[in-house]
PDB file of all heavy atoms in Angstrom:
ATOM      1  N   LEU A   1     -23.673  63.033 -40.327  1.00  0.00           N
ATOM      2  CA  LEU A   1     -22.579  62.732 -39.402  1.00  0.00           C
ATOM      3  C   LEU A   1     -22.672  63.590 -38.156  1.00  0.00           C
ATOM      4  O   LEU A   1     -22.461  63.108 -37.033  1.00  0.00           O
ATOM      5  CB  LEU A   1     -21.234  62.960 -40.105  1.00  0.00           C
ATOM      6  CG  LEU A   1     -19.976  62.791 -39.256  1.00  0.00           C
ATOM      7  CD1 LEU A   1     -19.837  61.352 -38.773  1.00  0.00           C
ATOM      8  CD2 LEU A   1     -18.727  63.216 -40.038  1.00  0.00           C
ATOM      9  N   ALA A   2     -22.996  64.874 -38.329  1.00  0.00           N
ATOM     10  CA  ALA A   2     -23.123  65.784 -37.182  1.00  0.00           C
ATOM     11  C   ALA A   2     -24.254  65.350 -36.260  1.00  0.00           C
ATOM     12  O   ALA A   2     -24.148  65.459 -35.025  1.00  0.00           O
ATOM     13  CB  ALA A   2     -23.354  67.208 -37.675  1.00  0.00           C
ATOM     14  N   LYS A   3     -25.331  64.836 -36.827  1.00  0.00           N
ATOM     15  CA  LYS A   3     -26.434  64.345 -35.988  1.00  0.00           C
ATOM     16  C   LYS A   3     -26.000  63.114 -35.194  1.00  0.00           C
ATOM     17  O   LYS A   3     -26.336  62.972 -34.017  1.00  0.00           O
ATOM     18  CB  LYS A   3     -27.640  64.011 -36.860  1.00  0.00           C
ATOM     19  CG  LYS A   3     -28.329  65.238 -37.447  1.00  0.00           C
ATOM     20  CD  LYS A   3     -29.525  64.833 -38.299  1.00  0.00           C
ATOM     21  CE  LYS A   3     -30.223  66.049 -38.883  1.00  0.00           C
ATOM     22  NZ  LYS A   3     -31.380  65.668 -39.734  1.00  0.00           N
ATOM     23  N   GLN A   4     -25.237  62.229 -35.835  1.00  0.00           N
ATOM     24  CA  GLN A   4     -24.769  61.031 -35.151  1.00  0.00           C
ATOM     25  C   GLN A   4     -23.845  61.379 -33.984  1.00  0.00           C
ATOM     26  O   GLN A   4     -23.857  60.705 -32.950  1.00  0.00           O
ATOM     27  CB  GLN A   4     -24.045  60.116 -36.132  1.00  0.00           C
ATOM     28  CG  GLN A   4     -24.931  59.528 -37.220  1.00  0.00           C
ATOM     29  CD  GLN A   4     -24.153  58.679 -38.209  1.00  0.00           C
ATOM     30  OE1 GLN A   4     -22.970  58.396 -38.028  1.00  0.00           O
ATOM     31  NE2 GLN A   4     -24.821  58.259 -39.284  1.00  0.00           N
ATOM     32  N   LEU A   5     -23.047  62.425 -34.163  1.00  0.00           N
ATOM     33  CA  LEU A   5     -22.095  62.828 -33.121  1.00  0.00           C
ATOM     34  C   LEU A   5     -22.701  63.781 -32.096  1.00  0.00           C
ATOM     35  O   LEU A   5     -22.024  64.179 -31.150  1.00  0.00           O
ATOM     36  CB  LEU A   5     -20.868  63.482 -33.769  1.00  0.00           C
ATOM     37  CG  LEU A   5     -20.028  62.576 -34.675  1.00  0.00           C
ATOM     38  CD1 LEU A   5     -18.940  63.367 -35.393  1.00  0.00           C
ATOM     39  CD2 LEU A   5     -19.407  61.446 -33.871  1.00  0.00           C
ATOM     40  N   GLY A   6     -23.963  64.158 -32.279  1.00  0.00           N
ATOM     41  CA  GLY A   6     -24.620  65.062 -31.331  1.00  0.00           C
ATOM     42  C   GLY A   6     -24.324  66.524 -31.569  1.00  0.00           C
ATOM     43  O   GLY A   6     -24.599  67.350 -30.697  1.00  0.00           O
ATOM     44  N   TRP A   7     -23.779  66.866 -32.736  1.00  0.00           N
ATOM     45  CA  TRP A   7     -23.491  68.269 -33.026  1.00  0.00           C
ATOM     46  C   TRP A   7     -24.735  69.006 -33.501  1.00  0.00           C
ATOM     47  O   TRP A   7     -24.786  70.232 -33.450  1.00  0.00           O
ATOM     48  CB  TRP A   7     -22.405  68.382 -34.096  1.00  0.00           C
ATOM     49  CG  TRP A   7     -21.099  67.792 -33.682  1.00  0.00           C
ATOM     50  CD1 TRP A   7     -20.711  67.473 -32.405  1.00  0.00           C
ATOM     51  CD2 TRP A   7     -19.996  67.439 -34.527  1.00  0.00           C
ATOM     52  NE1 TRP A   7     -19.453  66.947 -32.402  1.00  0.00           N
ATOM     53  CE2 TRP A   7     -18.978  66.914 -33.699  1.00  0.00           C
ATOM     54  CE3 TRP A   7     -19.758  67.512 -35.891  1.00  0.00           C
ATOM     55  CZ2 TRP A   7     -17.758  66.474 -34.191  1.00  0.00           C
ATOM     56  CZ3 TRP A   7     -18.550  67.079 -36.395  1.00  0.00           C
ATOM     57  CH2 TRP A   7     -17.559  66.565 -35.548  1.00  0.00           C
ATOM     58  N   ILE A   8     -25.699  68.288 -33.982  1.00  0.00           N
ATOM     59  CA  ILE A   8     -27.000  68.854 -34.332  1.00  0.00           C
ATOM     60  C   ILE A   8     -28.019  68.172 -33.446  1.00  0.00           C
ATOM     61  O   ILE A   8     -28.161  66.945 -33.477  1.00  0.00           O
ATOM     62  CB  ILE A   8     -27.340  68.652 -35.821  1.00  0.00           C
ATOM     63  CG1 ILE A   8     -26.344  69.403 -36.702  1.00  0.00           C
ATOM     64  CG2 ILE A   8     -28.757  69.130 -36.114  1.00  0.00           C
ATOM     65  CD1 ILE A   8     -26.598  69.229 -38.186  1.00  0.00           C
ATOM     66  N   LYS A   9     -28.703  68.959 -32.658  1.00  0.00           N
ATOM     67  CA  LYS A   9     -29.682  68.404 -31.737  1.00  0.00           C
ATOM     68  C   LYS A   9     -30.954  68.054 -32.500  1.00  0.00           C
ATOM     69  O   LYS A   9     -31.598  68.914 -33.095  1.00  0.00           O
ATOM     70  CB  LYS A   9     -29.997  69.402 -30.618  1.00  0.00           C
ATOM     71  CG  LYS A   9     -28.768  69.836 -29.820  1.00  0.00           C
ATOM     72  CD  LYS A   9     -28.089  68.658 -29.140  1.00  0.00           C
ATOM     73  CE  LYS A   9     -26.894  69.101 -28.314  1.00  0.00           C
ATOM     74  NZ  LYS A   9     -26.185  67.977 -27.696  1.00  0.00           N
ATOM     75  N   VAL A  10     -31.290  66.787 -32.485  1.00  0.00           N
ATOM     76  CA  VAL A  10     -32.509  66.331 -33.141  1.00  0.00           C
ATOM     77  C   VAL A  10     -33.669  66.595 -32.192  1.00  0.00           C
ATOM     78  O   VAL A  10     -33.637  66.172 -31.030  1.00  0.00           O
ATOM     79  CB  VAL A  10     -32.429  64.829 -33.484  1.00  0.00           C
ATOM     80  CG1 VAL A  10     -33.705  64.377 -34.176  1.00  0.00           C
ATOM     81  CG2 VAL A  10     -31.216  64.563 -34.356  1.00  0.00           C
ATOM     82  N   PRO A  11     -34.700  67.333 -32.631  1.00  0.00           N
ATOM     83  CA  PRO A  11     -35.820  67.629 -31.730  1.00  0.00           C
ATOM     84  C   PRO A  11     -36.536  66.360 -31.301  1.00  0.00           C
ATOM     85  O   PRO A  11     -36.642  65.391 -32.050  1.00  0.00           O
ATOM     86  CB  PRO A  11     -36.735  68.526 -32.580  1.00  0.00           C
ATOM     87  CG  PRO A  11     -36.355  68.225 -34.001  1.00  0.00           C
ATOM     88  CD  PRO A  11     -34.894  67.872 -33.974  1.00  0.00           C
ATOM     89  N   ALA A  12     -36.994  66.383 -30.063  1.00  0.00           N
ATOM     90  CA  ALA A  12     -37.708  65.228 -29.523  1.00  0.00           C
ATOM     91  C   ALA A  12     -39.046  65.069 -30.238  1.00  0.00           C
ATOM     92  O   ALA A  12     -39.707  66.044 -30.599  1.00  0.00           O
ATOM     93  CB  ALA A  12     -37.927  65.407 -28.015  1.00  0.00           C
ATOM     94  N   VAL A  13     -39.434  63.828 -30.447  1.00  0.00           N
ATOM     95  CA  VAL A  13     -40.694  63.524 -31.113  1.00  0.00           C
ATOM     96  C   VAL A  13     -41.781  63.426 -30.055  1.00  0.00           C
ATOM     97  O   VAL A  13     -41.672  62.671 -29.089  1.00  0.00           O
ATOM     98  CB  VAL A  13     -40.595  62.207 -31.906  1.00  0.00           C
ATOM     99  CG1 VAL A  13     -41.924  61.889 -32.570  1.00  0.00           C
ATOM    100  CG2 VAL A  13     -39.480  62.286 -32.933  1.00  0.00           C
ATOM    101  N   ASN A  14     -42.831  64.217 -30.236  1.00  0.00           N
ATOM    102  CA  ASN A  14     -43.952  64.177 -29.313  1.00  0.00           C
ATOM    103  C   ASN A  14     -44.826  62.972 -29.627  1.00  0.00           C
ATOM    104  O   ASN A  14     -45.390  62.863 -30.721  1.00  0.00           O
ATOM    105  CB  ASN A  14     -44.784  65.463 -29.412  1.00  0.00           C
ATOM    106  CG  ASN A  14     -43.994  66.688 -28.978  1.00  0.00           C
ATOM    107  OD1 ASN A  14     -43.166  66.598 -28.082  1.00  0.00           O
ATOM    108  ND2 ASN A  14     -44.255  67.820 -29.606  1.00  0.00           N
ATOM    109  N   VAL A  15     -44.906  62.068 -28.678  1.00  0.00           N
ATOM    110  CA  VAL A  15     -45.720  60.871 -28.854  1.00  0.00           C
ATOM    111  C   VAL A  15     -47.148  61.199 -28.471  1.00  0.00           C
ATOM    112  O   VAL A  15     -47.428  61.619 -27.340  1.00  0.00           O
ATOM    113  CB  VAL A  15     -45.183  59.714 -27.984  1.00  0.00           C
ATOM    114  CG1 VAL A  15     -46.051  58.474 -28.176  1.00  0.00           C
ATOM    115  CG2 VAL A  15     -43.740  59.425 -28.338  1.00  0.00           C
ATOM    116  N   GLU A  16     -48.061  61.023 -29.424  1.00  0.00           N
ATOM    117  CA  GLU A  16     -49.460  61.343 -29.170  1.00  0.00           C
ATOM    118  C   GLU A  16     -50.093  60.252 -28.309  1.00  0.00           C
ATOM    119  O   GLU A  16     -50.029  59.062 -28.647  1.00  0.00           O
ATOM    120  CB  GLU A  16     -50.215  61.480 -30.496  1.00  0.00           C
ATOM    121  CG  GLU A  16     -51.659  61.911 -30.321  1.00  0.00           C
ATOM    122  CD  GLU A  16     -52.344  62.102 -31.662  1.00  0.00           C
ATOM    123  OE1 GLU A  16     -51.659  61.963 -32.687  1.00  0.00           O
ATOM    124  OE2 GLU A  16     -53.560  62.384 -31.666  1.00  0.00           O
ATOM    125  N   VAL A  17     -50.683  60.655 -27.224  1.00  0.00           N
ATOM    126  CA  VAL A  17     -51.337  59.708 -26.326  1.00  0.00           C
ATOM    127  C   VAL A  17     -52.671  59.316 -26.940  1.00  0.00           C
ATOM    128  O   VAL A  17     -53.490  60.187 -27.276  1.00  0.00           O
ATOM    129  CB  VAL A  17     -51.546  60.334 -24.933  1.00  0.00           C
ATOM    130  CG1 VAL A  17     -52.253  59.345 -24.014  1.00  0.00           C
ATOM    131  CG2 VAL A  17     -50.215  60.757 -24.347  1.00  0.00           C
ATOM    132  N   PRO A  18     -52.929  58.005 -27.133  1.00  0.00           N
ATOM    133  CA  PRO A  18     -54.205  57.613 -27.747  1.00  0.00           C
ATOM    134  C   PRO A  18     -55.387  57.956 -26.869  1.00  0.00           C
ATOM    135  O   PRO A  18     -55.332  57.853 -25.642  1.00  0.00           O
ATOM    136  CB  PRO A  18     -54.044  56.080 -27.908  1.00  0.00           C
ATOM    137  CG  PRO A  18     -53.021  55.691 -26.893  1.00  0.00           C
ATOM    138  CD  PRO A  18     -52.086  56.854 -26.783  1.00  0.00           C
ATOM    139  N   LYS A  19     -56.458  58.398 -27.506  1.00  0.00           N
ATOM    140  CA  LYS A  19     -57.666  58.749 -26.764  1.00  0.00           C
ATOM    141  C   LYS A  19     -58.389  57.479 -26.329  1.00  0.00           C
ATOM    142  O   LYS A  19     -58.358  56.472 -27.018  1.00  0.00           O
ATOM    143  CB  LYS A  19     -58.582  59.601 -27.636  1.00  0.00           C
ATOM    144  CG  LYS A  19     -57.966  60.940 -28.038  1.00  0.00           C
ATOM    145  CD  LYS A  19     -58.952  61.727 -28.893  1.00  0.00           C
ATOM    146  CE  LYS A  19     -58.333  63.061 -29.305  1.00  0.00           C
ATOM    147  NZ  LYS A  19     -59.265  63.841 -30.151  1.00  0.00           N
ATOM    148  N   PRO A  20     -59.035  57.505 -25.166  1.00  0.00           N
ATOM    149  CA  PRO A  20     -59.771  56.307 -24.727  1.00  0.00           C
ATOM    150  C   PRO A  20     -60.942  56.018 -25.650  1.00  0.00           C
ATOM    151  O   PRO A  20     -61.598  56.935 -26.159  1.00  0.00           O
ATOM    152  CB  PRO A  20     -60.249  56.703 -23.315  1.00  0.00           C
ATOM    153  CG  PRO A  20     -60.242  58.194 -23.309  1.00  0.00           C
ATOM    154  CD  PRO A  20     -59.114  58.608 -24.208  1.00  0.00           C
ATOM    155  N   GLU A  21     -61.182  54.740 -25.881  1.00  0.00           N
ATOM    156  CA  GLU A  21     -62.282  54.337 -26.743  1.00  0.00           C
ATOM    157  C   GLU A  21     -63.608  54.527 -26.030  1.00  0.00           C
ATOM    158  O   GLU A  21     -63.796  54.091 -24.894  1.00  0.00           O
ATOM    159  CB  GLU A  21     -62.123  52.878 -27.151  1.00  0.00           C
ATOM    160  CG  GLU A  21     -60.863  52.611 -27.988  1.00  0.00           C
ATOM    161  CD  GLU A  21     -60.781  51.163 -28.407  1.00  0.00           C
ATOM    162  OE1 GLU A  21     -61.726  50.413 -28.083  1.00  0.00           O
ATOM    163  OE2 GLU A  21     -59.798  50.800 -29.068  1.00  0.00           O
ATOM    164  N   ILE A  22     -64.539  55.200 -26.718  1.00  0.00           N
ATOM    165  CA  ILE A  22     -65.838  55.479 -26.101  1.00  0.00           C
ATOM    166  C   ILE A  22     -66.624  54.184 -25.911  1.00  0.00           C
ATOM    167  O   ILE A  22     -67.365  54.024 -24.953  1.00  0.00           O
ATOM    168  CB  ILE A  22     -66.636  56.466 -26.966  1.00  0.00           C
ATOM    169  CG1 ILE A  22     -65.866  57.784 -27.074  1.00  0.00           C
ATOM    170  CG2 ILE A  22     -68.026  56.712 -26.410  1.00  0.00           C
ATOM    171  CD1 ILE A  22     -66.555  58.822 -27.932  1.00  0.00           C
ATOM    172  N   SER A  23     -66.421  53.213 -26.816  1.00  0.00           N
ATOM    173  CA  SER A  23     -67.185  51.966 -26.729  1.00  0.00           C
ATOM    174  C   SER A  23     -66.848  51.171 -25.479  1.00  0.00           C
ATOM    175  O   SER A  23     -67.603  50.308 -25.074  1.00  0.00           O
ATOM    176  CB  SER A  23     -66.906  51.108 -27.966  1.00  0.00           C
ATOM    177  OG  SER A  23     -65.511  50.839 -28.058  1.00  0.00           O
ATOM    178  N   ALA A  24     -65.689  51.480 -24.847  1.00  0.00           N
ATOM    179  CA  ALA A  24     -65.326  50.747 -23.644  1.00  0.00           C
ATOM    180  C   ALA A  24     -66.129  51.192 -22.431  1.00  0.00           C
ATOM    181  O   ALA A  24     -66.117  50.537 -21.402  1.00  0.00           O
ATOM    182  CB  ALA A  24     -63.831  50.913 -23.366  1.00  0.00           C
ATOM    183  N   LEU A  25     -66.855  52.319 -22.527  1.00  0.00           N
ATOM    184  CA  LEU A  25     -67.636  52.812 -21.401  1.00  0.00           C
ATOM    185  C   LEU A  25     -68.953  52.043 -21.316  1.00  0.00           C
ATOM    186  O   LEU A  25     -69.451  51.522 -22.314  1.00  0.00           O
ATOM    187  CB  LEU A  25     -67.916  54.307 -21.576  1.00  0.00           C
ATOM    188  CG  LEU A  25     -66.683  55.223 -21.600  1.00  0.00           C
ATOM    189  CD1 LEU A  25     -67.111  56.643 -21.919  1.00  0.00           C
ATOM    190  CD2 LEU A  25     -65.960  55.171 -20.271  1.00  0.00           C
ATOM    191  N   PRO A  26     -69.570  51.948 -20.130  1.00  0.00           N
ATOM    192  CA  PRO A  26     -70.885  51.299 -20.014  1.00  0.00           C
ATOM    193  C   PRO A  26     -71.930  52.070 -20.803  1.00  0.00           C
ATOM    194  O   PRO A  26     -71.815  53.293 -20.989  1.00  0.00           O
ATOM    195  CB  PRO A  26     -71.163  51.345 -18.500  1.00  0.00           C
ATOM    196  CG  PRO A  26     -70.284  52.422 -17.981  1.00  0.00           C
ATOM    197  CD  PRO A  26     -69.077  52.421 -18.840  1.00  0.00           C
ATOM    198  N   PRO A  27     -72.989  51.381 -21.252  1.00  0.00           N
ATOM    199  CA  PRO A  27     -74.001  52.051 -22.088  1.00  0.00           C
ATOM    200  C   PRO A  27     -74.627  53.258 -21.416  1.00  0.00           C
ATOM    201  O   PRO A  27     -74.897  54.264 -22.050  1.00  0.00           O
ATOM    202  CB  PRO A  27     -75.019  50.934 -22.351  1.00  0.00           C
ATOM    203  CG  PRO A  27     -74.249  49.666 -22.165  1.00  0.00           C
ATOM    204  CD  PRO A  27     -73.254  49.947 -21.089  1.00  0.00           C
ATOM    205  N   GLU A  28     -74.870  53.152 -20.080  1.00  0.00           N
ATOM    206  CA  GLU A  28     -75.535  54.276 -19.410  1.00  0.00           C
ATOM    207  C   GLU A  28     -74.659  55.515 -19.347  1.00  0.00           C
ATOM    208  O   GLU A  28     -75.159  56.629 -19.209  1.00  0.00           O
ATOM    209  CB  GLU A  28     -75.955  53.875 -17.999  1.00  0.00           C
ATOM    210  CG  GLU A  28     -74.807  53.399 -17.106  1.00  0.00           C
ATOM    211  CD  GLU A  28     -74.590  51.901 -17.212  1.00  0.00           C
ATOM    212  OE1 GLU A  28     -75.152  51.309 -18.167  1.00  0.00           O
ATOM    213  OE2 GLU A  28     -73.911  51.329 -16.354  1.00  0.00           O
ATOM    214  N   ALA A  29     -73.324  55.330 -19.463  1.00  0.00           N
ATOM    215  CA  ALA A  29     -72.442  56.494 -19.416  1.00  0.00           C
ATOM    216  C   ALA A  29     -72.496  57.288 -20.715  1.00  0.00           C
ATOM    217  O   ALA A  29     -72.060  58.429 -20.757  1.00  0.00           O
ATOM    218  CB  ALA A  29     -71.010  56.052 -19.146  1.00  0.00           C
ATOM    219  N   LEU A  30     -73.009  56.657 -21.779  1.00  0.00           N
ATOM    220  CA  LEU A  30     -73.081  57.354 -23.060  1.00  0.00           C
ATOM    221  C   LEU A  30     -74.311  58.239 -23.161  1.00  0.00           C
ATOM    222  O   LEU A  30     -74.408  59.048 -24.078  1.00  0.00           O
ATOM    223  CB  LEU A  30     -73.088  56.342 -24.205  1.00  0.00           C
ATOM    224  CG  LEU A  30     -71.878  55.398 -24.265  1.00  0.00           C
ATOM    225  CD1 LEU A  30     -72.045  54.421 -25.426  1.00  0.00           C
ATOM    226  CD2 LEU A  30     -70.606  56.200 -24.428  1.00  0.00           C
ATOM    227  N   ASP A  31     -75.300  58.046 -22.254  1.00  0.00           N
ATOM    228  CA  ASP A  31     -76.521  58.850 -22.286  1.00  0.00           C
ATOM    229  C   ASP A  31     -76.280  60.136 -21.524  1.00  0.00           C
ATOM    230  O   ASP A  31     -76.179  60.132 -20.287  1.00  0.00           O
ATOM    231  CB  ASP A  31     -77.689  58.079 -21.657  1.00  0.00           C
ATOM    232  CG  ASP A  31     -77.986  56.802 -22.434  1.00  0.00           C
ATOM    233  OD1 ASP A  31     -77.711  56.794 -23.645  1.00  0.00           O
ATOM    234  OD2 ASP A  31     -78.473  55.842 -21.818  1.00  0.00           O
ATOM    235  N   SER A  32     -76.166  61.189 -22.206  1.00  0.00           N
ATOM    236  CA  SER A  32     -75.948  62.485 -21.558  1.00  0.00           C
ATOM    237  C   SER A  32     -77.215  63.302 -21.698  1.00  0.00           C
ATOM    238  O   SER A  32     -77.635  63.636 -22.804  1.00  0.00           O
ATOM    239  CB  SER A  32     -74.765  63.209 -22.192  1.00  0.00           C
ATOM    240  OG  SER A  32     -74.992  63.365 -23.560  1.00  0.00           O
ATOM    241  N   VAL A  33     -77.889  63.568 -20.595  1.00  0.00           N
ATOM    242  CA  VAL A  33     -79.126  64.332 -20.575  1.00  0.00           C
ATOM    243  C   VAL A  33     -78.790  65.765 -20.209  1.00  0.00           C
ATOM    244  O   VAL A  33     -78.249  66.032 -19.131  1.00  0.00           O
ATOM    245  CB  VAL A  33     -80.130  63.739 -19.561  1.00  0.00           C
ATOM    246  CG1 VAL A  33     -81.410  64.560 -19.549  1.00  0.00           C
ATOM    247  CG2 VAL A  33     -80.412  62.289 -19.916  1.00  0.00           C
TER     248      VAL A  33
END
């Protein structure tokens, strides 16, 4: 009840940002010399 009324502050949930997919890069970008 206290959470519903704002008497207990619920911590914010950190949304994890998805990492970019490596397969979406061109083939030559994957060759690291």
